C-alpha atoms as a PDB file:
ATOM      1  CA  MET A   1      11.552  27.505  27.686  1.00  0.00           C
ATOM      2  CA  SER A   2      10.092  24.543  29.550  1.00  0.00           C
ATOM      3  CA  ASP A   3      11.331  20.571  29.080  1.00  0.00           C
ATOM      4  CA  THR A   4       8.155  20.130  27.248  1.00  0.00           C
ATOM      5  CA  GLU A   5       8.842  22.765  24.462  1.00  0.00           C
ATOM      6  CA  LYS A   6      12.591  21.592  24.596  1.00  0.00           C
ATOM      7  CA  GLY A   7      11.133  18.156  23.243  1.00  0.00           C
ATOM      8  CA  LYS A   8      12.050  16.551  27.016  1.00  0.00           C
ATOM      9  CA  PRO A   9       9.509  14.664  28.440  1.00  0.00           C
ATOM     10  CA  MET A  10       7.635  15.764  31.432  1.00  0.00           C
ATOM     11  CA  TYR A  11       8.235  13.024  33.747  1.00  0.00           C
ATOM     12  CA  PRO A  12      12.068  11.527  32.973  1.00  0.00           C
ATOM     13  CA  GLU A  13      11.340   8.992  35.759  1.00  0.00           C
ATOM     14  CA  ARG A  14       8.430   7.326  33.766  1.00  0.00           C
ATOM     15  CA  ASN A  15      10.968   5.575  31.493  1.00  0.00           C
ATOM     16  CA  ILE A  16       9.704   1.991  31.241  1.00  0.00           C
ATOM     17  CA  GLU A  17       7.679   2.196  27.633  1.00  0.00           C
ATOM     18  CA  GLN A  18       4.772  -0.063  27.002  1.00  0.00           C
ATOM     19  CA  TYR A  19       2.532  -1.142  23.899  1.00  0.00           C
ATOM     20  CA  MET A  20      -1.303  -0.812  24.869  1.00  0.00           C
ATOM     21  CA  GLU A  21      -4.369  -2.084  22.464  1.00  0.00           C
ATOM     22  CA  TYR A  22      -7.771  -2.366  23.673  1.00  0.00           C
ATOM     23  CA  GLU A  23     -10.993  -2.778  21.749  1.00  0.00           C
ATOM     24  CA  ILE A  24     -13.428  -0.338  22.276  1.00  0.00           C
ATOM     25  CA  LEU A  25     -16.875  -1.870  22.759  1.00  0.00           C
ATOM     26  CA  ASN A  26     -18.804   1.042  23.306  1.00  0.00           C
ATOM     27  CA  ASN A  27     -17.734   4.663  21.426  1.00  0.00           C
ATOM     28  CA  ARG A  28     -19.262   6.986  23.422  1.00  0.00           C
ATOM     29  CA  PRO A  29     -18.288  10.459  23.797  1.00  0.00           C
ATOM     30  CA  GLY A  30     -15.761  11.229  26.211  1.00  0.00           C
ATOM     31  CA  LEU A  31     -14.358   7.736  26.356  1.00  0.00           C
ATOM     32  CA  LEU A  32     -10.903   8.502  25.527  1.00  0.00           C
ATOM     33  CA  GLY A  33     -10.631  11.234  27.864  1.00  0.00           C
ATOM     34  CA  ASP A  34     -11.636   9.070  30.340  1.00  0.00           C
ATOM     35  CA  ILE A  35      -8.867   6.440  29.551  1.00  0.00           C
ATOM     36  CA  SER A  36      -6.296   8.981  29.341  1.00  0.00           C
ATOM     37  CA  SER A  37      -7.179  10.771  32.653  1.00  0.00           C
ATOM     38  CA  LEU A  38      -7.264   7.369  34.537  1.00  0.00           C
ATOM     39  CA  LEU A  39      -3.913   6.532  33.116  1.00  0.00           C
ATOM     40  CA  GLY A  40      -2.618  10.066  34.037  1.00  0.00           C
ATOM     41  CA  ASN A  41      -4.055   9.195  37.773  1.00  0.00           C
ATOM     42  CA  LEU A  42      -1.852   6.148  37.394  1.00  0.00           C
ATOM     43  CA  GLY A  43       1.329   7.649  37.083  1.00  0.00           C
ATOM     44  CA  ILE A  44       1.145   6.594  33.157  1.00  0.00           C
ATOM     45  CA  SER A  45       2.032   8.623  30.323  1.00  0.00           C
ATOM     46  CA  ILE A  46       0.752   8.708  26.484  1.00  0.00           C
ATOM     47  CA  ASP A  47       3.269   8.999  24.284  1.00  0.00           C
ATOM     48  CA  THR A  48       1.314   8.223  20.879  1.00  0.00           C
ATOM     49  CA  ILE A  49      -2.298   7.146  20.188  1.00  0.00           C
ATOM     50  CA  ASN A  50      -4.004   6.255  17.406  1.00  0.00           C
ATOM     51  CA  GLY A  51      -6.787   3.904  15.838  1.00  0.00           C
ATOM     52  CA  VAL A  52      -5.032   0.894  14.454  1.00  0.00           C
ATOM     53  CA  GLU A  53      -7.998  -1.076  13.121  1.00  0.00           C
ATOM     54  CA  ASN A  54     -11.504  -0.906  13.158  1.00  0.00           C
ATOM     55  CA  ARG A  55     -12.788  -0.230  16.769  1.00  0.00           C
ATOM     56  CA  ARG A  56      -9.382  -1.206  18.304  1.00  0.00           C
ATOM     57  CA  ARG A  57      -6.841   1.709  19.554  1.00  0.00           C
ATOM     58  CA  GLY A  58      -2.967   1.703  19.874  1.00  0.00           C
ATOM     59  CA  LEU A  59      -1.275   3.476  22.614  1.00  0.00           C
ATOM     60  CA  LEU A  60       2.520   3.897  23.398  1.00  0.00           C
ATOM     61  CA  VAL A  61       2.938   4.594  27.129  1.00  0.00           C
ATOM     62  CA  ARG A  62       5.759   5.384  29.214  1.00  0.00           C
ATOM     63  CA  THR A  63       5.747   4.428  33.391  1.00  0.00           C
ATOM     64  CA  ASP A  64       8.021   3.850  35.700  1.00  0.00           C
ATOM     65  CA  GLU A  65       6.786   1.106  37.493  1.00  0.00           C
ATOM     66  CA  LEU A  66       4.845  -1.999  35.700  1.00  0.00           C
ATOM     67  CA  ASN A  67       2.852  -2.485  38.298  1.00  0.00           C
ATOM     68  CA  LYS A  68       0.766   0.305  37.382  1.00  0.00           C
ATOM     69  CA  LEU A  69       0.203  -0.970  33.897  1.00  0.00           C
ATOM     70  CA  LYS A  70      -1.025  -4.199  35.776  1.00  0.00           C
ATOM     71  CA  ARG A  71      -3.087  -2.279  38.399  1.00  0.00           C
ATOM     72  CA  PHE A  72      -4.805  -0.410  35.373  1.00  0.00           C
ATOM     73  CA  GLU A  73      -5.397  -3.489  33.543  1.00  0.00           C
ATOM     74  CA  TYR A  74      -7.355  -4.971  36.497  1.00  0.00           C
ATOM     75  CA  MET A  75      -9.541  -1.578  36.798  1.00  0.00           C
ATOM     76  CA  SER A  76     -10.106  -1.866  33.378  1.00  0.00           C
ATOM     77  CA  ALA A  77     -11.966  -5.188  33.573  1.00  0.00           C
ATOM     78  CA  TYR A  78     -14.498  -2.618  35.706  1.00  0.00           C
ATOM     79  CA  ILE A  79     -14.709  -0.563  32.516  1.00  0.00           C
ATOM     80  CA  ASP A  80     -17.723  -2.071  30.352  1.00  0.00           C
ATOM     81  CA  ASP A  81     -16.697   0.331  27.281  1.00  0.00           C
ATOM     82  CA  ILE A  82     -13.237  -1.256  26.358  1.00  0.00           C
ATOM     83  CA  HIS A  83     -11.396  -4.856  26.534  1.00  0.00           C
ATOM     84  CA  ILE A  84      -7.587  -4.541  26.722  1.00  0.00           C
ATOM     85  CA  LEU A  85      -5.917  -6.412  24.015  1.00  0.00           C
ATOM     86  CA  LYS A  86      -2.460  -6.288  24.780  1.00  0.00           C
ATOM     87  CA  ILE A  87       0.028  -4.936  27.063  1.00  0.00           C
ATOM     88  CA  ARG A  88       3.555  -5.764  26.176  1.00  0.00           C
ATOM     89  CA  LYS A  89       6.953  -4.256  25.280  1.00  0.00           C
ATOM     90  CA  PRO A  90       6.527  -2.680  21.812  1.00  0.00           C
ATOM     91  CA  GLN A  91       7.514  -4.640  19.011  1.00  0.00           C
ATOM     92  CA  VAL A  92       8.174  -2.794  16.103  1.00  0.00           C
ATOM     93  CA  ARG A  93       5.169  -3.999  14.234  1.00  0.00           C
ATOM     94  CA  ASP A  94       3.056  -1.993  17.125  1.00  0.00           C
ATOM     95  CA  ARG A  95       5.617   1.362  16.773  1.00  0.00           C
ATOM     96  CA  LEU A  96       3.903   1.243  12.806  1.00  0.00           C
ATOM     97  CA  ALA A  97       0.899   0.392  13.649  1.00  0.00           C
ATOM     98  CA  VAL A  98       0.288   3.220  16.200  1.00  0.00           C
ATOM     99  CA  ARG A  99       2.126   5.531  13.397  1.00  0.00           C
ATOM    100  CA  HIS A 100       0.497   4.716  10.685  1.00  0.00           C
ATOM    101  CA  GLY A 101      -2.757   3.452  11.768  1.00  0.00           C
ATOM    102  CA  ARG A 102      -2.620  -0.151  10.889  1.00  0.00           C
ATOM    103  CA  PHE A 103      -1.196  -3.143  10.649  1.00  0.00           C
ATOM    104  CA  ILE A 104       1.117  -4.593   8.217  1.00  0.00           C
ATOM    105  CA  LYS A 105       0.406  -7.690   7.138  1.00  0.00           C
ATOM    106  CA  ARG A 106       1.649 -10.812   8.684  1.00  0.00           C
ATOM    107  CA  ASP A 107       1.661 -14.485   7.176  1.00  0.00           C
ATOM    108  CA  GLU A 108      -0.454 -16.321   9.892  1.00  0.00           C
ATOM    109  CA  GLU A 109       1.745 -19.522   9.711  1.00  0.00           C
ATOM    110  CA  ASP A 110       5.510 -17.806   9.397  1.00  0.00           C
ATOM    111  CA  LYS A 111       5.500 -14.616  11.902  1.00  0.00           C
ATOM    112  CA  LYS A 112       8.767 -13.399   9.916  1.00  0.00           C
ATOM    113  CA  VAL A 113       6.910 -13.095   6.866  1.00  0.00           C
ATOM    114  CA  PHE A 114       5.678  -9.667   6.421  1.00  0.00           C
ATOM    115  CA  ARG A 115       3.361  -8.085   3.463  1.00  0.00           C
ATOM    116  CA  PHE A 116       3.386  -5.334   1.641  1.00  0.00           C
ATOM    117  CA  THR A 117       2.607  -3.715  -1.662  1.00  0.00           C
ATOM    118  CA  ARG A 118       3.854  -1.052  -3.860  1.00  0.00           C
ATOM    119  CA  GLU A 119       1.233   1.411  -2.368  1.00  0.00           C
ATOM    120  CA  GLU A 120       2.453   0.911   0.984  1.00  0.00           C
ATOM    121  CA  ILE A 121       6.083   1.343   0.518  1.00  0.00           C
ATOM    122  CA  GLY A 122       6.321   4.441   2.704  1.00  0.00           C
ATOM    123  CA  ILE A 123       5.253   1.748   5.336  1.00  0.00           C
ATOM    124  CA  LEU A 124       8.045  -0.738   4.315  1.00  0.00           C
ATOM    125  CA  VAL A 125      10.739   2.282   4.449  1.00  0.00           C
ATOM    126  CA  ASP A 126       9.451   2.947   7.938  1.00  0.00           C
ATOM    127  CA  PHE A 127       9.682  -0.765   9.403  1.00  0.00           C
ATOM    128  CA  LEU A 128      13.076  -1.370   7.740  1.00  0.00           C
ATOM    129  CA  ALA A 129      14.189   1.945   9.118  1.00  0.00           C
ATOM    130  CA  GLU A 130      12.761   0.342  12.885  1.00  0.00           C
ATOM    131  CA  ILE A 131      14.957  -3.225  11.989  1.00  0.00           C
ATOM    132  CA  PHE A 132      17.881  -1.387  10.805  1.00  0.00           C
ATOM    133  CA  LYS A 133      18.243   1.014  14.329  1.00  0.00           C
ATOM    134  CA  GLU A 134      18.193  -2.139  16.578  1.00  0.00           C
ATOM    135  CA  LYS A 135      22.382  -3.066  17.031  1.00  0.00           C
ATOM    136  CA  GLY A 136      23.786  -6.489  16.334  1.00  0.00           C
ATOM    137  CA  HIS A 137      22.739  -9.391  13.459  1.00  0.00           C
ATOM    138  CA  LYS A 138      19.691  -8.941  11.596  1.00  0.00           C
ATOM    139  CA  LEU A 139      19.636 -11.089   8.586  1.00  0.00           C
ATOM    140  CA  ILE A 140      16.700  -9.614   6.120  1.00  0.00           C
ATOM    141  CA  GLY A 141      15.592 -11.468   3.143  1.00  0.00           C
ATOM    142  CA  VAL A 142      13.326  -9.470   0.466  1.00  0.00           C
ATOM    143  CA  ARG A 143      11.165 -11.091  -2.263  1.00  0.00           C
ATOM    144  CA  GLY A 144       9.798  -9.541  -5.482  1.00  0.00           C
ATOM    145  CA  MET A 145       9.332  -9.325  -8.881  1.00  0.00           C
ATOM    146  CA  PRO A 146      12.317  -7.020 -10.958  1.00  0.00           C
ATOM    147  CA  ARG A 147      11.337  -3.152 -10.671  1.00  0.00           C
ATOM    148  CA  VAL A 148       8.535  -2.824  -7.760  1.00  0.00           C
ATOM    149  CA  GLY A 149      11.116  -0.991  -5.490  1.00  0.00           C
ATOM    150  CA  LYS A 150      13.057  -3.333  -3.446  1.00  0.00           C
ATOM    151  CA  THR A 151      16.269  -1.547  -3.789  1.00  0.00           C
ATOM    152  CA  GLU A 152      14.477   1.650  -3.512  1.00  0.00           C
ATOM    153  CA  SER A 153      12.574   0.487  -0.065  1.00  0.00           C
ATOM    154  CA  ILE A 154      16.396  -0.325   1.191  1.00  0.00           C
ATOM    155  CA  VAL A 155      18.241   2.609   0.480  1.00  0.00           C
ATOM    156  CA  ALA A 156      15.226   4.731   1.564  1.00  0.00           C
ATOM    157  CA  GLY A 157      15.258   2.791   4.892  1.00  0.00           C
ATOM    158  CA  SER A 158      18.871   3.501   5.474  1.00  0.00           C
ATOM    159  CA  VAL A 159      18.678   6.959   5.369  1.00  0.00           C
ATOM    160  CA  THR A 160      15.836   7.206   7.596  1.00  0.00           C
ATOM    161  CA  ALA A 161      17.604   5.094   9.733  1.00  0.00           C
ATOM    162  CA  LYS A 162      20.661   7.508   9.129  1.00  0.00           C
ATOM    163  CA  LYS A 163      23.028   4.167   8.064  1.00  0.00           C
ATOM    164  CA  LYS A 164      25.319   3.992   5.675  1.00  0.00           C
ATOM    165  CA  TRP A 165      24.505   1.490   3.412  1.00  0.00           C
ATOM    166  CA  LEU A 166      26.759  -0.783   0.582  1.00  0.00           C
ATOM    167  CA  PHE A 167      26.311  -2.656  -2.132  1.00  0.00           C
ATOM    168  CA  LEU A 168      28.386  -5.962  -2.195  1.00  0.00           C
ATOM    169  CA  SER A 169      26.126  -7.195  -5.098  1.00  0.00           C
ATOM    170  CA  SER A 170      23.643  -4.979  -6.892  1.00  0.00           C
ATOM    171  CA  THR A 171      22.501  -4.593 -10.421  1.00  0.00           C
ATOM    172  CA  LEU A 172      21.387  -0.925  -9.461  1.00  0.00           C
ATOM    173  CA  ILE A 173      23.384   0.728 -12.209  1.00  0.00           C
ATOM    174  CA  LYS A 174      25.590  -1.876 -13.728  1.00  0.00           C
ATOM    175  CA  GLN A 175      26.094  -5.320 -12.201  1.00  0.00           C
ATOM    176  CA  THR A 176      28.559  -5.708  -8.959  1.00  0.00           C
ATOM    177  CA  GLU A 177      30.476  -8.334  -7.576  1.00  0.00           C
ATOM    178  CA  ARG A 178      32.451  -6.746  -4.684  1.00  0.00           C
ATOM    179  CA  THR A 179      35.395  -8.809  -3.737  1.00  0.00           C
ATOM    180  CA  SER A 180      36.763  -6.852  -0.872  1.00  0.00           C
ATOM    181  CA  LEU A 181      36.144  -4.420   1.084  1.00  0.00           C
ATOM    182  CA  LEU A 182      38.372  -1.245   2.469  1.00  0.00           C
ATOM    183  CA  LYS A 183      39.110  -1.059   5.861  1.00  0.00           C
ATOM    184  CA  GLY A 184      36.607   1.791   6.456  1.00  0.00           C
ATOM    185  CA  GLU A 185      34.000  -0.220   5.299  1.00  0.00           C
ATOM    186  CA  TYR A 186      33.818  -2.755   8.399  1.00  0.00           C
ATOM    187  CA  ASP A 187      31.607  -1.037  10.435  1.00  0.00           C
ATOM    188  CA  GLU A 188      28.809  -2.453  12.423  1.00  0.00           C
ATOM    189  CA  ASN A 189      26.718   0.548  12.050  1.00  0.00           C
ATOM    190  CA  ASN A 190      26.681  -0.042   8.180  1.00  0.00           C
ATOM    191  CA  VAL A 191      23.686  -2.359   6.137  1.00  0.00           C
ATOM    192  CA  PHE A 192      25.428  -4.589   3.638  1.00  0.00           C
ATOM    193  CA  ILE A 193      23.160  -5.039   0.885  1.00  0.00           C
ATOM    194  CA  ILE A 194      23.317  -7.838  -1.109  1.00  0.00           C
ATOM    195  CA  ASP A 195      21.672  -8.980  -4.741  1.00  0.00           C
ATOM    196  CA  GLY A 196      21.092 -12.720  -3.998  1.00  0.00           C
ATOM    197  CA  ALA A 197      20.155 -13.447  -7.521  1.00  0.00           C
ATOM    198  CA  VAL A 198      23.800 -11.981  -8.767  1.00  0.00           C
ATOM    199  CA  THR A 199      25.540 -13.685  -5.822  1.00  0.00           C
ATOM    200  CA  MET A 200      24.241 -17.026  -6.817  1.00  0.00           C
ATOM    201  CA  LYS A 201      25.155 -16.913 -10.448  1.00  0.00           C
ATOM    202  CA  SER A 202      28.571 -15.593  -9.708  1.00  0.00           C
ATOM    203  CA  ASN A 203      31.682 -17.718 -10.588  1.00  0.00           C
ATOM    204  CA  GLU A 204      34.032 -15.771  -8.815  1.00  0.00           C
ATOM    205  CA  GLU A 205      35.178 -17.051  -5.468  1.00  0.00           C
ATOM    206  CA  ALA A 206      36.631 -13.963  -4.208  1.00  0.00           C
ATOM    207  CA  HIS A 207      32.945 -12.722  -4.293  1.00  0.00           C
ATOM    208  CA  LYS A 208      31.624 -15.418  -2.686  1.00  0.00           C
ATOM    209  CA  GLN A 209      34.295 -15.265   0.396  1.00  0.00           C
ATOM    210  CA  LEU A 210      33.318 -12.078   0.944  1.00  0.00           C
ATOM    211  CA  ILE A 211      29.735 -12.864   1.248  1.00  0.00           C
ATOM    212  CA  ARG A 212      30.401 -15.482   3.975  1.00  0.00           C
ATOM    213  CA  GLU A 213      32.647 -13.224   5.768  1.00  0.00           C
ATOM    214  CA  ILE A 214      30.158 -10.621   5.960  1.00  0.00           C
ATOM    215  CA  MET A 215      27.278 -13.225   6.626  1.00  0.00           C
ATOM    216  CA  SER A 216      28.956 -14.101  10.170  1.00  0.00           C
ATOM    217  CA  TYR A 217      29.415 -10.017  10.861  1.00  0.00           C
ATOM    218  CA  PRO A 218      27.565  -8.473  13.290  1.00  0.00           C
ATOM    219  CA  ALA A 219      26.002  -6.176  11.420  1.00  0.00           C
ATOM    220  CA  ILE A 220      22.610  -5.645   9.303  1.00  0.00           C
ATOM    221  CA  LYS A 221      22.622  -7.632   5.950  1.00  0.00           C
ATOM    222  CA  VAL A 222      19.417  -7.058   3.223  1.00  0.00           C
ATOM    223  CA  ILE A 223      19.380  -9.979   0.312  1.00  0.00           C
ATOM    224  CA  GLU A 224      17.176  -9.145  -2.340  1.00  0.00           C
ATOM    225  CA  HIS A 225      15.868 -12.869  -3.793  1.00  0.00           C
ATOM    226  CA  PRO A 226      16.488 -14.684  -0.626  1.00  0.00           C
ATOM    227  CA  ASP A 227      15.075 -17.822  -2.007  1.00  0.00           C
ATOM    228  CA  LEU A 228      17.733 -18.069  -5.107  1.00  0.00           C
ATOM    229  CA  PHE A 229      20.478 -16.376  -2.901  1.00  0.00           C
ATOM    230  CA  ILE A 230      20.142 -20.013  -0.438  1.00  0.00           C
ATOM    231  CA  GLU A 231      20.608 -21.979  -3.740  1.00  0.00           C
ATOM    232  CA  GLY A 232      24.150 -20.858  -4.783  1.00  0.00           C
ATOM    233  CA  MET A 233      25.337 -20.540  -0.523  1.00  0.00           C
ATOM    234  CA  GLN A 234      25.084 -22.491   2.489  1.00  0.00           C
ATOM    235  CA  TYR A 235      22.394 -20.841   4.216  1.00  0.00           C
ATOM    236  CA  GLU A 236      18.975 -21.723   5.038  1.00  0.00           C
ATOM    237  CA  LEU A 237      15.012 -19.538   5.045  1.00  0.00           C
ATOM    238  CA  GLU A 238      15.547 -20.257   8.797  1.00  0.00           C
ATOM    239  CA  ASP A 239      18.479 -18.550   9.134  1.00  0.00           C
ATOM    240  CA  PHE A 240      16.605 -15.029   8.296  1.00  0.00           C
ATOM    241  CA  ASP A 241      15.234 -12.992  10.708  1.00  0.00           C
ATOM    242  CA  TYR A 242      12.413 -11.129   8.406  1.00  0.00           C
ATOM    243  CA  ILE A 243      11.332 -12.055   5.085  1.00  0.00           C
ATOM    244  CA  ILE A 244       9.465  -9.300   3.643  1.00  0.00           C
ATOM    245  CA  GLU A 245       7.099  -9.683  -0.127  1.00  0.00           C
ATOM    246  CA  LEU A 246       6.689  -6.667  -2.221  1.00  0.00           C
ATOM    247  CA  ARG A 247       4.122  -6.714  -5.161  1.00  0.00           C
ATOM    248  CA  GLU A 248       2.171  -4.312  -7.175  1.00  0.00           C
ATOM    249  CA  ASP A 249      -0.517  -5.591  -5.655  1.00  0.00           C
ATOM    250  CA  GLU A 250      -1.767  -8.088  -3.427  1.00  0.00           C
ATOM    251  CA  ASN A 251      -2.656 -10.538  -5.965  1.00  0.00           C
ATOM    252  CA  GLN A 252       0.707 -10.869  -8.162  1.00  0.00           C
ATOM    253  CA  GLU A 253       2.365 -13.546  -7.842  1.00  0.00           C
ATOM    254  CA  ILE A 254       6.170 -13.905  -6.716  1.00  0.00           C
ATOM    255  CA  THR A 255       7.680 -16.088  -9.365  1.00  0.00           C
ATOM    256  CA  TYR A 256      11.713 -17.246 -10.259  1.00  0.00           C
ATOM    257  CA  GLU A 257      11.416 -18.333 -13.853  1.00  0.00           C
ATOM    258  CA  LYS A 258      12.609 -15.441 -15.261  1.00  0.00           C
ATOM    259  CA  HIS A 259      14.999 -15.003 -12.431  1.00  0.00           C
ATOM    260  CA  LYS A 260      17.035 -18.166 -13.223  1.00  0.00           C
ATOM    261  CA  LYS A 261      17.290 -17.143 -16.959  1.00  0.00           C
ATOM    262  CA  GLN A 262      21.043 -15.738 -18.153  1.00  0.00           C
ATOM    263  CA  HIS A 263      21.466 -11.677 -17.680  1.00  0.00           C
ATOM    264  CA  TRP A 264      17.604 -11.463 -16.371  1.00  0.00           C
ATOM    265  CA  PHE A 265      18.773  -9.411 -13.860  1.00  0.00           C
ATOM    266  CA  GLU A 266      21.201  -6.953 -15.544  1.00  0.00           C
ATOM    267  CA  ASP A 267      18.696  -3.783 -15.916  1.00  0.00           C
ATOM    268  CA  GLU A 268      16.184  -4.752 -13.222  1.00  0.00           C
ATOM    269  CA  ASP A 269      16.789  -1.774 -11.261  1.00  0.00           C
ATOM    270  CA  ILE A 270      18.159   0.722 -13.729  1.00  0.00           C
ATOM    271  CA  ASN A 271      14.520   2.862 -12.952  1.00  0.00           C
ATOM    272  CA  PHE A 272      15.935   3.324  -9.588  1.00  0.00           C
ATOM    273  CA  PHE A 273      15.854   7.098  -9.676  1.00  0.00           C
ATOM    274  CA  GLY A 274      12.539   6.807 -11.230  1.00  0.00           C
ATOM    275  CA  GLY A 275      10.382   7.788  -7.753  1.00  0.00           C
ATOM    276  CA  MET A 276       8.798   5.329  -5.392  1.00  0.00           C
END
């Protein structure tokens, strides 16, 4: 069995991964084949390729020298059919664009805010999984109205990333406020999930002390209702690496009037196992 059949790369020395995106100016027959051949002749392998927007194409490529990609960019300036838009180290958003064939929505002013609708939960799960695979501290906030799919997306993202998840506060089956962790639960590979509404309303100081401890722990933390969380804890939205907004549809408004009422959250995600 060949290395390719075993899933091993044909050219293992090409270990520099880059994302390339170009605009198609003239979608003539054979254009993709010509570009692929030129990349191959320059010593650049294509891992994945897909259309990412109207008249745009995204590629994940590998090479052993970045200069080869600069050479391709220079040569492409003489190709009237395409215009190179991006060549860079792949970001999470780039990988998802190539995988799903479209860009995820991002706030134009606040670049850390990403928007999804319920019909895009599959893309959201992949997005979370890619973040969860990264090492070290990441603080992720998830906004959304009750029963829109916040908790199920976080858990599914953890499963996809092969990570263990732990609820520090939750309303999944019953209201939960953890006040301590077992020794084995302190693991930098775990995903710690916090319901910001529950923690904000908690009168249990031991619970809040545990939350403060985990917030400084070098692991992934996901906080549902981050805007409520910062009201009861000494943190700011600027502390978050990502803010995810999940809606039933693009026009749904995320409000907090109901969130602040006593006991509003006790059955928020009780239908967790009702499907995605």
